[in-house]
Amino acid sequence: MKKRITSFVVVIALLLITIFLSATTGSVSMGLTEFIRALFGEANEDFVIIKDLRFPRIIIAIFAGAALSVAGALLQAVMRNPLADAGVIGISAGAGFMSMFIITFVPTLFFFTPLFAFIGGAIACFLVFSLSWKAGLEPMRLILVGIAISAVFTGLKEAFIMLCSYMSVTIDGSFTSTMTMKTWTEVEIMTVYGSIGLVLALLLVKWCNLLALDDKTVKSLGFPLMTARIVIAAVAVLLSAIATYVAGVISFVGLLVPHIARRLVGNDYKYVIPFSILAGALLILVADTLGRILIPPQEIPASTLMAIIGGPFLIFLLRRGDRKA
């Protein structure tokens, strides 16, 4: 219990510190005292720039990190597989492709783009689940099928971009894995849909814990196993789809954070989900802030930094699974 409380306190403190550093570090910088005064109403031109350019970016990074982390935890519960992640198994790629297609060719449906992103992610999730199932979900098969599905949607996206270039059709530049120039409109979309998904995830913690039991045991308790899997997977797709739509495709977040959460706060989803919200927000905000300040004026997308970190971590998990087998 002491370790659990300490872990929550530390991650909250680090998140608050990172928010301040992200807001005040860069081409426009402010000191702590100056920032606090401006935050409480004192006129400051630099703060206006920070408010309009950095605050939306910070909020989106926080919600995207939280959403992707929780989506990973939920998918791992549904598939009983520690390697499940929206980016790795193609859900993010499916959501990204569908979003780009709709906003490019049917811009009048812009308001419903999150719904189409959800549909794209759901299609990818269904394909991975159905093609991976063979008397259970074997970790290696899941990853291979997921990588294949992700590659298909990524290829479709690249082909779509080339087709649009050939047809002289302008593609919305927001579908890149960078958080540059995010607006308050995108913040509103991210916070509304993201909050709905996160609240639903918190309400499903008991179901997630029950899914860890053997299927026969769960069914003997009268638990609606298939319904629970569908509902939890739908919430995971919602979270990953909205994060992809607003922040772009960022892989490995849902792989890294739940593993860290289980090491620090245990396997009970009552603690894993809240900790994943905080730790995921911290991870993406740190990645985005580092990407912005390491080589100015150029930026390294958060997705690139996560790939550098997450790729070796995935290899490590696969090798550890082989040793246990």
C-alpha atoms as a PDB file:
ATOM      1  CA  MET A   1       0.000   0.000   0.000  1.00  0.00           C
ATOM      2  CA  LYS A   2       2.844   2.392   0.845  1.00  0.00           C
ATOM      3  CA  LYS A   3       4.501   1.720  -2.516  1.00  0.00           C
ATOM      4  CA  ARG A   4       1.186   2.333  -4.282  1.00  0.00           C
ATOM      5  CA  ILE A   5       0.580   5.672  -2.543  1.00  0.00           C
ATOM      6  CA  THR A   6       4.161   6.778  -3.141  1.00  0.00           C
ATOM      7  CA  SER A   7       3.856   5.906  -6.837  1.00  0.00           C
ATOM      8  CA  PHE A   8       0.709   8.008  -7.239  1.00  0.00           C
ATOM      9  CA  VAL A   9       2.210  10.964  -5.363  1.00  0.00           C
ATOM     10  CA  VAL A  10       5.424  10.872  -7.399  1.00  0.00           C
ATOM     11  CA  VAL A  11       3.692  10.647 -10.780  1.00  0.00           C
ATOM     12  CA  ILE A  12       1.306  13.499  -9.882  1.00  0.00           C
ATOM     13  CA  ALA A  13       4.217  15.678  -8.748  1.00  0.00           C
ATOM     14  CA  LEU A  14       6.210  14.904 -11.901  1.00  0.00           C
ATOM     15  CA  LEU A  15       3.181  15.657 -14.078  1.00  0.00           C
ATOM     16  CA  LEU A  16       2.672  19.079 -12.449  1.00  0.00           C
ATOM     17  CA  ILE A  17       6.373  19.912 -12.796  1.00  0.00           C
ATOM     18  CA  THR A  18       6.379  18.826 -16.441  1.00  0.00           C
ATOM     19  CA  ILE A  19       3.296  20.935 -17.193  1.00  0.00           C
ATOM     20  CA  PHE A  20       5.056  24.007 -15.825  1.00  0.00           C
ATOM     21  CA  LEU A  21       8.315  23.274 -17.673  1.00  0.00           C
ATOM     22  CA  SER A  22       6.475  22.549 -20.912  1.00  0.00           C
ATOM     23  CA  ALA A  23       4.564  25.828 -20.670  1.00  0.00           C
ATOM     24  CA  THR A  24       7.544  28.016 -19.804  1.00  0.00           C
ATOM     25  CA  THR A  25      10.422  26.444 -21.757  1.00  0.00           C
ATOM     26  CA  GLY A  26      11.218  27.140 -25.377  1.00  0.00           C
ATOM     27  CA  SER A  27      11.556  30.116 -27.711  1.00  0.00           C
ATOM     28  CA  VAL A  28       9.340  32.051 -25.296  1.00  0.00           C
ATOM     29  CA  SER A  29      10.281  31.393 -21.684  1.00  0.00           C
ATOM     30  CA  MET A  30       9.038  32.624 -18.310  1.00  0.00           C
ATOM     31  CA  GLY A  31      10.091  32.284 -14.701  1.00  0.00           C
ATOM     32  CA  LEU A  32       7.908  30.693 -12.042  1.00  0.00           C
ATOM     33  CA  THR A  33       6.886  33.953 -10.358  1.00  0.00           C
ATOM     34  CA  GLU A  34       6.182  35.690 -13.655  1.00  0.00           C
ATOM     35  CA  PHE A  35       4.179  32.715 -14.888  1.00  0.00           C
ATOM     36  CA  ILE A  36       2.022  32.530 -11.746  1.00  0.00           C
ATOM     37  CA  ARG A  37       1.294  36.273 -11.853  1.00  0.00           C
ATOM     38  CA  ALA A  38       0.296  36.070 -15.499  1.00  0.00           C
ATOM     39  CA  LEU A  39      -1.803  32.990 -14.795  1.00  0.00           C
ATOM     40  CA  PHE A  40      -3.814  34.952 -12.245  1.00  0.00           C
ATOM     41  CA  GLY A  41      -4.474  37.917 -14.515  1.00  0.00           C
ATOM     42  CA  GLU A  42      -1.390  40.113 -14.703  1.00  0.00           C
ATOM     43  CA  ALA A  43      -0.898  41.458 -18.256  1.00  0.00           C
ATOM     44  CA  ASN A  44       1.980  39.747 -20.040  1.00  0.00           C
ATOM     45  CA  GLU A  45       2.526  39.446 -23.812  1.00  0.00           C
ATOM     46  CA  ASP A  46       4.625  36.287 -23.501  1.00  0.00           C
ATOM     47  CA  PHE A  47       1.865  34.606 -21.529  1.00  0.00           C
ATOM     48  CA  VAL A  48      -0.625  35.329 -24.320  1.00  0.00           C
ATOM     49  CA  ILE A  49       1.619  33.386 -26.716  1.00  0.00           C
ATOM     50  CA  ILE A  50       1.961  30.553 -24.212  1.00  0.00           C
ATOM     51  CA  LYS A  51      -1.793  30.439 -23.645  1.00  0.00           C
ATOM     52  CA  ASP A  52      -2.701  30.342 -27.325  1.00  0.00           C
ATOM     53  CA  LEU A  53       0.069  28.045 -28.601  1.00  0.00           C
ATOM     54  CA  ARG A  54       1.340  25.884 -25.739  1.00  0.00           C
ATOM     55  CA  PHE A  55      -1.690  25.346 -23.528  1.00  0.00           C
ATOM     56  CA  PRO A  56      -3.691  23.547 -26.273  1.00  0.00           C
ATOM     57  CA  ARG A  57      -0.646  21.439 -27.057  1.00  0.00           C
ATOM     58  CA  ILE A  58      -0.122  20.539 -23.392  1.00  0.00           C
ATOM     59  CA  ILE A  59      -3.769  19.614 -22.829  1.00  0.00           C
ATOM     60  CA  ILE A  60      -3.876  17.459 -25.966  1.00  0.00           C
ATOM     61  CA  ALA A  61      -0.633  15.708 -24.999  1.00  0.00           C
ATOM     62  CA  ILE A  62      -2.022  14.958 -21.536  1.00  0.00           C
ATOM     63  CA  PHE A  63      -5.322  13.576 -22.797  1.00  0.00           C
ATOM     64  CA  ALA A  64      -3.726  11.662 -25.680  1.00  0.00           C
ATOM     65  CA  GLY A  65      -1.248  10.006 -23.342  1.00  0.00           C
ATOM     66  CA  ALA A  66      -3.965   9.122 -20.841  1.00  0.00           C
ATOM     67  CA  ALA A  67      -6.265   7.786 -23.565  1.00  0.00           C
ATOM     68  CA  LEU A  68      -3.638   5.630 -25.269  1.00  0.00           C
ATOM     69  CA  SER A  69      -2.369   4.224 -21.971  1.00  0.00           C
ATOM     70  CA  VAL A  70      -5.823   3.250 -20.752  1.00  0.00           C
ATOM     71  CA  ALA A  71      -6.697   1.850 -24.188  1.00  0.00           C
ATOM     72  CA  GLY A  72      -3.644  -0.398 -23.938  1.00  0.00           C
ATOM     73  CA  ALA A  73      -4.602  -1.564 -20.451  1.00  0.00           C
ATOM     74  CA  LEU A  74      -8.156  -2.360 -21.595  1.00  0.00           C
ATOM     75  CA  LEU A  75      -6.982  -4.243 -24.686  1.00  0.00           C
ATOM     76  CA  GLN A  76      -4.578  -6.276 -22.568  1.00  0.00           C
ATOM     77  CA  ALA A  77      -7.504  -7.212 -20.322  1.00  0.00           C
ATOM     78  CA  VAL A  78      -9.761  -8.190 -23.224  1.00  0.00           C
ATOM     79  CA  MET A  79      -7.110 -10.174 -25.093  1.00  0.00           C
ATOM     80  CA  ARG A  80      -5.347 -11.458 -21.965  1.00  0.00           C
ATOM     81  CA  ASN A  81      -2.172 -10.454 -23.679  1.00  0.00           C
ATOM     82  CA  PRO A  82       0.496  -8.131 -22.220  1.00  0.00           C
ATOM     83  CA  LEU A  83       1.607  -7.156 -25.741  1.00  0.00           C
ATOM     84  CA  ALA A  84      -1.703  -5.639 -26.861  1.00  0.00           C
ATOM     85  CA  ASP A  85      -1.479  -1.957 -27.772  1.00  0.00           C
ATOM     86  CA  ALA A  86      -3.586   0.195 -30.104  1.00  0.00           C
ATOM     87  CA  GLY A  87      -0.539   1.313 -32.080  1.00  0.00           C
ATOM     88  CA  VAL A  88       1.132  -2.077 -32.326  1.00  0.00           C
ATOM     89  CA  ILE A  89      -1.927  -4.059 -33.425  1.00  0.00           C
ATOM     90  CA  GLY A  90      -3.160  -1.559 -36.005  1.00  0.00           C
ATOM     91  CA  ILE A  91      -6.127   0.148 -34.311  1.00  0.00           C
ATOM     92  CA  SER A  92      -4.462   3.566 -34.472  1.00  0.00           C
ATOM     93  CA  ALA A  93      -3.527   3.025 -38.129  1.00  0.00           C
ATOM     94  CA  GLY A  94      -7.119   2.110 -38.975  1.00  0.00           C
ATOM     95  CA  ALA A  95      -8.478   5.140 -37.142  1.00  0.00           C
ATOM     96  CA  GLY A  96      -5.927   7.438 -38.794  1.00  0.00           C
ATOM     97  CA  PHE A  97      -6.681   6.201 -42.303  1.00  0.00           C
ATOM     98  CA  MET A  98     -10.452   6.522 -41.904  1.00  0.00           C
ATOM     99  CA  SER A  99     -10.118  10.026 -40.429  1.00  0.00           C
ATOM    100  CA  MET A 100      -7.926  11.206 -43.284  1.00  0.00           C
ATOM    101  CA  PHE A 101     -10.232   9.702 -45.899  1.00  0.00           C
ATOM    102  CA  ILE A 102     -13.393  11.301 -44.506  1.00  0.00           C
ATOM    103  CA  ILE A 103     -11.972  14.756 -43.838  1.00  0.00           C
ATOM    104  CA  THR A 104     -10.396  14.883 -47.306  1.00  0.00           C
ATOM    105  CA  PHE A 105     -13.236  13.620 -49.479  1.00  0.00           C
ATOM    106  CA  VAL A 106     -16.298  14.352 -47.318  1.00  0.00           C
ATOM    107  CA  PRO A 107     -15.375  17.565 -45.455  1.00  0.00           C
ATOM    108  CA  THR A 108     -19.037  18.293 -44.770  1.00  0.00           C
ATOM    109  CA  LEU A 109     -18.927  15.409 -42.269  1.00  0.00           C
ATOM    110  CA  PHE A 110     -16.076  17.027 -40.313  1.00  0.00           C
ATOM    111  CA  PHE A 111     -18.137  17.075 -37.120  1.00  0.00           C
ATOM    112  CA  PHE A 112     -18.547  13.280 -37.347  1.00  0.00           C
ATOM    113  CA  THR A 113     -14.876  12.548 -38.033  1.00  0.00           C
ATOM    114  CA  PRO A 114     -14.308  11.127 -34.509  1.00  0.00           C
ATOM    115  CA  LEU A 115     -17.104   8.653 -35.223  1.00  0.00           C
ATOM    116  CA  PHE A 116     -15.453   7.539 -38.466  1.00  0.00           C
ATOM    117  CA  ALA A 117     -12.108   7.286 -36.654  1.00  0.00           C
ATOM    118  CA  PHE A 118     -13.848   4.991 -34.184  1.00  0.00           C
ATOM    119  CA  ILE A 119     -15.227   2.890 -37.038  1.00  0.00           C
ATOM    120  CA  GLY A 120     -11.774   2.588 -38.624  1.00  0.00           C
ATOM    121  CA  GLY A 121     -10.251   1.531 -35.319  1.00  0.00           C
ATOM    122  CA  ALA A 122     -13.069  -0.940 -34.682  1.00  0.00           C
ATOM    123  CA  ILE A 123     -12.550  -2.568 -38.089  1.00  0.00           C
ATOM    124  CA  ALA A 124      -8.836  -2.981 -37.369  1.00  0.00           C
ATOM    125  CA  CYS A 125      -9.547  -4.374 -33.888  1.00  0.00           C
ATOM    126  CA  PHE A 126     -12.062  -6.883 -35.269  1.00  0.00           C
ATOM    127  CA  LEU A 127      -9.637  -8.043 -37.960  1.00  0.00           C
ATOM    128  CA  VAL A 128      -6.796  -8.526 -35.490  1.00  0.00           C
ATOM    129  CA  PHE A 129      -8.994 -10.322 -32.965  1.00  0.00           C
ATOM    130  CA  SER A 130     -10.631 -12.646 -35.509  1.00  0.00           C
ATOM    131  CA  LEU A 131      -7.452 -13.466 -37.440  1.00  0.00           C
ATOM    132  CA  SER A 132      -5.414 -14.025 -34.259  1.00  0.00           C
ATOM    133  CA  TRP A 133      -7.904 -16.334 -32.565  1.00  0.00           C
ATOM    134  CA  LYS A 134      -7.028 -20.008 -32.672  1.00  0.00           C
ATOM    135  CA  ALA A 135      -8.189 -21.705 -29.486  1.00  0.00           C
ATOM    136  CA  GLY A 136      -7.023 -18.564 -27.695  1.00  0.00           C
ATOM    137  CA  LEU A 137      -4.869 -15.548 -28.356  1.00  0.00           C
ATOM    138  CA  GLU A 138      -1.190 -16.495 -28.562  1.00  0.00           C
ATOM    139  CA  PRO A 139       1.068 -13.449 -27.986  1.00  0.00           C
ATOM    140  CA  MET A 140       3.315 -13.909 -31.011  1.00  0.00           C
ATOM    141  CA  ARG A 141       0.403 -14.537 -33.384  1.00  0.00           C
ATOM    142  CA  LEU A 142      -1.362 -11.423 -32.092  1.00  0.00           C
ATOM    143  CA  ILE A 143       1.693  -9.245 -32.701  1.00  0.00           C
ATOM    144  CA  LEU A 144       2.322 -10.644 -36.180  1.00  0.00           C
ATOM    145  CA  VAL A 145      -1.298 -10.217 -37.256  1.00  0.00           C
ATOM    146  CA  GLY A 146      -1.400  -6.768 -35.654  1.00  0.00           C
ATOM    147  CA  ILE A 147       1.735  -5.664 -37.464  1.00  0.00           C
ATOM    148  CA  ALA A 148       0.259  -6.965 -40.731  1.00  0.00           C
ATOM    149  CA  ILE A 149      -3.026  -5.087 -40.209  1.00  0.00           C
ATOM    150  CA  SER A 150      -1.124  -1.946 -39.236  1.00  0.00           C
ATOM    151  CA  ALA A 151       1.014  -2.269 -42.363  1.00  0.00           C
ATOM    152  CA  VAL A 152      -2.091  -2.633 -44.536  1.00  0.00           C
ATOM    153  CA  PHE A 153      -3.714   0.519 -43.178  1.00  0.00           C
ATOM    154  CA  THR A 154      -0.413   2.405 -43.301  1.00  0.00           C
ATOM    155  CA  GLY A 155       0.011   1.334 -46.929  1.00  0.00           C
ATOM    156  CA  LEU A 156      -3.542   2.447 -47.695  1.00  0.00           C
ATOM    157  CA  LYS A 157      -2.762   5.790 -46.100  1.00  0.00           C
ATOM    158  CA  GLU A 158       0.387   6.255 -48.176  1.00  0.00           C
ATOM    159  CA  ALA A 159      -1.439   5.228 -51.354  1.00  0.00           C
ATOM    160  CA  PHE A 160      -4.220   7.634 -50.461  1.00  0.00           C
ATOM    161  CA  ILE A 161      -1.729  10.490 -50.040  1.00  0.00           C
ATOM    162  CA  MET A 162      -0.162   9.701 -53.409  1.00  0.00           C
ATOM    163  CA  LEU A 163      -3.603   9.555 -55.055  1.00  0.00           C
ATOM    164  CA  CYS A 164      -4.550  12.909 -53.550  1.00  0.00           C
ATOM    165  CA  SER A 165      -1.279  14.399 -54.796  1.00  0.00           C
ATOM    166  CA  TYR A 166      -1.976  13.056 -58.280  1.00  0.00           C
ATOM    167  CA  MET A 167      -5.513  14.481 -58.185  1.00  0.00           C
ATOM    168  CA  SER A 168      -4.256  17.791 -56.704  1.00  0.00           C
ATOM    169  CA  VAL A 169      -6.450  17.276 -53.655  1.00  0.00           C
ATOM    170  CA  THR A 170      -5.288  19.033 -50.493  1.00  0.00           C
ATOM    171  CA  ILE A 171      -4.863  16.815 -47.456  1.00  0.00           C
ATOM    172  CA  ASP A 172      -5.445  18.235 -44.005  1.00  0.00           C
ATOM    173  CA  GLY A 173      -2.007  18.578 -42.390  1.00  0.00           C
ATOM    174  CA  SER A 174      -3.347  17.796 -38.930  1.00  0.00           C
ATOM    175  CA  PHE A 175      -3.044  14.048 -39.575  1.00  0.00           C
ATOM    176  CA  THR A 176       0.610  13.934 -38.641  1.00  0.00           C
ATOM    177  CA  SER A 177       1.978  12.588 -35.388  1.00  0.00           C
ATOM    178  CA  THR A 178       2.919  15.996 -34.099  1.00  0.00           C
ATOM    179  CA  MET A 179       1.139  18.387 -31.768  1.00  0.00           C
ATOM    180  CA  THR A 180       2.326  21.583 -33.402  1.00  0.00           C
ATOM    181  CA  MET A 181      -0.261  24.332 -33.961  1.00  0.00           C
ATOM    182  CA  LYS A 182      -3.101  22.624 -32.140  1.00  0.00           C
ATOM    183  CA  THR A 183      -6.177  24.774 -31.579  1.00  0.00           C
ATOM    184  CA  TRP A 184      -8.717  25.128 -28.807  1.00  0.00           C
ATOM    185  CA  THR A 185     -11.290  23.469 -31.082  1.00  0.00           C
ATOM    186  CA  GLU A 186      -9.150  20.336 -31.146  1.00  0.00           C
ATOM    187  CA  VAL A 187      -8.742  20.625 -27.376  1.00  0.00           C
ATOM    188  CA  GLU A 188     -12.520  20.623 -27.019  1.00  0.00           C
ATOM    189  CA  ILE A 189     -12.868  17.505 -29.183  1.00  0.00           C
ATOM    190  CA  MET A 190     -10.071  15.711 -27.336  1.00  0.00           C
ATOM    191  CA  THR A 191     -11.306  16.570 -23.850  1.00  0.00           C
ATOM    192  CA  VAL A 192     -14.974  15.775 -24.502  1.00  0.00           C
ATOM    193  CA  TYR A 193     -14.510  12.393 -26.180  1.00  0.00           C
ATOM    194  CA  GLY A 194     -11.432  11.564 -24.114  1.00  0.00           C
ATOM    195  CA  SER A 195     -13.211  12.291 -20.834  1.00  0.00           C
ATOM    196  CA  ILE A 196     -16.155  10.100 -21.850  1.00  0.00           C
ATOM    197  CA  GLY A 197     -13.809   7.227 -22.672  1.00  0.00           C
ATOM    198  CA  LEU A 198     -11.772   7.593 -19.486  1.00  0.00           C
ATOM    199  CA  VAL A 199     -14.866   7.731 -17.263  1.00  0.00           C
ATOM    200  CA  LEU A 200     -16.251   4.603 -18.959  1.00  0.00           C
ATOM    201  CA  ALA A 201     -12.899   2.874 -18.424  1.00  0.00           C
ATOM    202  CA  LEU A 202     -13.009   3.683 -14.713  1.00  0.00           C
ATOM    203  CA  LEU A 203     -16.510   2.224 -14.522  1.00  0.00           C
ATOM    204  CA  LEU A 204     -15.311  -1.028 -16.112  1.00  0.00           C
ATOM    205  CA  VAL A 205     -12.525  -1.894 -13.662  1.00  0.00           C
ATOM    206  CA  LYS A 206     -14.496  -4.772 -12.083  1.00  0.00           C
ATOM    207  CA  TRP A 207     -15.138  -6.322 -15.492  1.00  0.00           C
ATOM    208  CA  CYS A 208     -11.448  -6.013 -16.359  1.00  0.00           C
ATOM    209  CA  ASN A 209     -10.488  -7.832 -13.165  1.00  0.00           C
ATOM    210  CA  LEU A 210     -12.987 -10.627 -13.889  1.00  0.00           C
ATOM    211  CA  LEU A 211     -11.560 -11.131 -17.383  1.00  0.00           C
ATOM    212  CA  ALA A 212      -8.287 -12.188 -15.754  1.00  0.00           C
ATOM    213  CA  LEU A 213     -10.038 -15.347 -14.522  1.00  0.00           C
ATOM    214  CA  ASP A 214     -10.496 -18.518 -16.550  1.00  0.00           C
ATOM    215  CA  ASP A 215     -13.431 -18.378 -18.998  1.00  0.00           C
ATOM    216  CA  LYS A 216     -15.185 -21.382 -17.413  1.00  0.00           C
ATOM    217  CA  THR A 217     -14.921 -19.837 -13.955  1.00  0.00           C
ATOM    218  CA  VAL A 218     -16.274 -16.501 -15.154  1.00  0.00           C
ATOM    219  CA  LYS A 219     -19.188 -18.122 -17.005  1.00  0.00           C
ATOM    220  CA  SER A 220     -20.062 -20.213 -13.952  1.00  0.00           C
ATOM    221  CA  LEU A 221     -20.552 -16.940 -12.066  1.00  0.00           C
ATOM    222  CA  GLY A 222     -23.133 -15.865 -14.625  1.00  0.00           C
ATOM    223  CA  PHE A 223     -20.888 -13.124 -15.961  1.00  0.00           C
ATOM    224  CA  PRO A 224     -21.657 -11.940 -19.549  1.00  0.00           C
ATOM    225  CA  LEU A 225     -18.164 -12.685 -20.848  1.00  0.00           C
ATOM    226  CA  MET A 226     -18.603 -11.852 -24.539  1.00  0.00           C
ATOM    227  CA  THR A 227     -20.606  -8.708 -23.789  1.00  0.00           C
ATOM    228  CA  ALA A 228     -17.897  -7.518 -21.422  1.00  0.00           C
ATOM    229  CA  ARG A 229     -15.176  -8.111 -24.005  1.00  0.00           C
ATOM    230  CA  ILE A 230     -17.090  -6.201 -26.674  1.00  0.00           C
ATOM    231  CA  VAL A 231     -17.880  -3.252 -24.386  1.00  0.00           C
ATOM    232  CA  ILE A 232     -14.336  -2.968 -23.017  1.00  0.00           C
ATOM    233  CA  ALA A 233     -12.835  -3.290 -26.502  1.00  0.00           C
ATOM    234  CA  ALA A 234     -15.233  -0.594 -27.768  1.00  0.00           C
ATOM    235  CA  VAL A 235     -14.084   1.816 -25.032  1.00  0.00           C
ATOM    236  CA  ALA A 236     -10.448   1.040 -25.881  1.00  0.00           C
ATOM    237  CA  VAL A 237     -11.110   1.728 -29.564  1.00  0.00           C
ATOM    238  CA  LEU A 238     -12.884   4.990 -28.685  1.00  0.00           C
ATOM    239  CA  LEU A 239      -9.902   6.188 -26.633  1.00  0.00           C
ATOM    240  CA  SER A 240      -7.281   5.216 -29.191  1.00  0.00           C
ATOM    241  CA  ALA A 241      -9.346   6.572 -32.105  1.00  0.00           C
ATOM    242  CA  ILE A 242      -9.861  10.025 -30.604  1.00  0.00           C
ATOM    243  CA  ALA A 243      -6.197  10.234 -29.583  1.00  0.00           C
ATOM    244  CA  THR A 244      -5.150   9.267 -33.116  1.00  0.00           C
ATOM    245  CA  TYR A 245      -7.583  11.710 -34.718  1.00  0.00           C
ATOM    246  CA  VAL A 246      -6.283  14.668 -32.713  1.00  0.00           C
ATOM    247  CA  ALA A 247      -2.636  13.808 -31.945  1.00  0.00           C
ATOM    248  CA  GLY A 248      -1.711  11.358 -34.713  1.00  0.00           C
ATOM    249  CA  VAL A 249      -0.512   7.758 -34.571  1.00  0.00           C
ATOM    250  CA  ILE A 250       1.634   7.213 -31.467  1.00  0.00           C
ATOM    251  CA  SER A 251       2.593   3.612 -30.782  1.00  0.00           C
ATOM    252  CA  PHE A 252       3.867   1.791 -27.696  1.00  0.00           C
ATOM    253  CA  VAL A 253       2.256   4.110 -25.098  1.00  0.00           C
ATOM    254  CA  GLY A 254      -0.364   1.499 -24.249  1.00  0.00           C
ATOM    255  CA  LEU A 255       2.370  -1.123 -24.121  1.00  0.00           C
ATOM    256  CA  LEU A 256       4.767   0.699 -21.811  1.00  0.00           C
ATOM    257  CA  VAL A 257       2.513   2.390 -19.272  1.00  0.00           C
ATOM    258  CA  PRO A 258       0.295  -0.533 -18.141  1.00  0.00           C
ATOM    259  CA  HIS A 259       3.422  -2.647 -17.541  1.00  0.00           C
ATOM    260  CA  ILE A 260       4.923   0.107 -15.420  1.00  0.00           C
ATOM    261  CA  ALA A 261       1.591   0.511 -13.620  1.00  0.00           C
ATOM    262  CA  ARG A 262       1.403  -3.174 -12.705  1.00  0.00           C
ATOM    263  CA  ARG A 263       4.946  -3.107 -11.367  1.00  0.00           C
ATOM    264  CA  LEU A 264       4.209  -0.084  -9.152  1.00  0.00           C
ATOM    265  CA  VAL A 265       0.559  -0.368  -8.085  1.00  0.00           C
ATOM    266  CA  GLY A 266      -0.291  -4.061  -8.623  1.00  0.00           C
ATOM    267  CA  ASN A 267      -2.592  -5.944 -10.995  1.00  0.00           C
ATOM    268  CA  ASP A 268      -5.915  -4.628  -9.693  1.00  0.00           C
ATOM    269  CA  TYR A 269      -7.465  -2.481 -12.435  1.00  0.00           C
ATOM    270  CA  LYS A 270      -8.939  -0.253  -9.737  1.00  0.00           C
ATOM    271  CA  TYR A 271      -5.403   1.140  -9.452  1.00  0.00           C
ATOM    272  CA  VAL A 272      -3.975   0.275 -12.882  1.00  0.00           C
ATOM    273  CA  ILE A 273      -6.460   2.490 -14.782  1.00  0.00           C
ATOM    274  CA  PRO A 274      -6.033   5.677 -12.665  1.00  0.00           C
ATOM    275  CA  PHE A 275      -2.257   5.254 -12.582  1.00  0.00           C
ATOM    276  CA  SER A 276      -2.177   4.687 -16.344  1.00  0.00           C
ATOM    277  CA  ILE A 277      -4.118   7.930 -16.851  1.00  0.00           C
ATOM    278  CA  LEU A 278      -1.506   9.895 -14.905  1.00  0.00           C
ATOM    279  CA  ALA A 279       1.593   8.064 -16.142  1.00  0.00           C
ATOM    280  CA  GLY A 280       0.439   8.101 -19.770  1.00  0.00           C
ATOM    281  CA  ALA A 281      -0.215  11.834 -19.595  1.00  0.00           C
ATOM    282  CA  LEU A 282       3.248  12.338 -18.105  1.00  0.00           C
ATOM    283  CA  LEU A 283       4.985  10.149 -20.708  1.00  0.00           C
ATOM    284  CA  ILE A 284       3.524  11.866 -23.781  1.00  0.00           C
ATOM    285  CA  LEU A 285       3.929  15.346 -22.317  1.00  0.00           C
ATOM    286  CA  VAL A 286       7.600  14.638 -21.568  1.00  0.00           C
ATOM    287  CA  ALA A 287       8.112  13.204 -25.078  1.00  0.00           C
ATOM    288  CA  ASP A 288       6.414  16.185 -26.714  1.00  0.00           C
ATOM    289  CA  THR A 289       8.321  18.713 -24.600  1.00  0.00           C
ATOM    290  CA  LEU A 290      11.679  17.055 -25.281  1.00  0.00           C
ATOM    291  CA  GLY A 291      10.885  16.845 -28.980  1.00  0.00           C
ATOM    292  CA  ARG A 292      10.167  20.560 -29.014  1.00  0.00           C
ATOM    293  CA  ILE A 293      13.253  21.781 -27.146  1.00  0.00           C
ATOM    294  CA  LEU A 294      16.054  19.325 -28.079  1.00  0.00           C
ATOM    295  CA  ILE A 295      16.958  20.677 -31.543  1.00  0.00           C
ATOM    296  CA  PRO A 296      15.170  24.021 -32.013  1.00  0.00           C
ATOM    297  CA  PRO A 297      13.741  25.276 -34.294  1.00  0.00           C
ATOM    298  CA  GLN A 298      13.182  21.721 -35.581  1.00  0.00           C
ATOM    299  CA  GLU A 299      10.899  19.355 -33.689  1.00  0.00           C
ATOM    300  CA  ILE A 300      11.042  15.627 -33.054  1.00  0.00           C
ATOM    301  CA  PRO A 301       7.490  14.193 -33.035  1.00  0.00           C
ATOM    302  CA  ALA A 302       6.431  12.444 -29.853  1.00  0.00           C
ATOM    303  CA  SER A 303       5.677   9.374 -31.988  1.00  0.00           C
ATOM    304  CA  THR A 304       9.334   9.177 -33.035  1.00  0.00           C
ATOM    305  CA  LEU A 305      10.594   9.327 -29.467  1.00  0.00           C
ATOM    306  CA  MET A 306       8.042   6.717 -28.398  1.00  0.00           C
ATOM    307  CA  ALA A 307       9.169   4.414 -31.217  1.00  0.00           C
ATOM    308  CA  ILE A 308      12.794   4.751 -30.053  1.00  0.00           C
ATOM    309  CA  ILE A 309      11.752   3.803 -26.521  1.00  0.00           C
ATOM    310  CA  GLY A 310       8.931   1.366 -27.267  1.00  0.00           C
ATOM    311  CA  GLY A 311      10.578  -0.762 -29.951  1.00  0.00           C
ATOM    312  CA  PRO A 312      13.322  -2.143 -27.685  1.00  0.00           C
ATOM    313  CA  PHE A 313      10.767  -2.551 -24.881  1.00  0.00           C
ATOM    314  CA  LEU A 314       8.566  -4.725 -27.115  1.00  0.00           C
ATOM    315  CA  ILE A 315      11.595  -6.873 -28.051  1.00  0.00           C
ATOM    316  CA  PHE A 316      12.429  -7.225 -24.361  1.00  0.00           C
ATOM    317  CA  LEU A 317       8.895  -8.423 -23.542  1.00  0.00           C
ATOM    318  CA  LEU A 318       8.926 -10.924 -26.397  1.00  0.00           C
ATOM    319  CA  ARG A 319      12.291 -12.351 -25.325  1.00  0.00           C
ATOM    320  CA  ARG A 320      11.144 -12.579 -21.711  1.00  0.00           C
ATOM    321  CA  GLY A 321       8.008 -14.409 -22.862  1.00  0.00           C
ATOM    322  CA  ASP A 322      10.150 -16.880 -24.818  1.00  0.00           C
ATOM    323  CA  ARG A 323      12.280 -17.594 -21.742  1.00  0.00           C
ATOM    324  CA  LYS A 324       9.164 -18.252 -19.617  1.00  0.00           C
ATOM    325  CA  ALA A 325       7.813 -20.585 -22.285  1.00  0.00           C
END
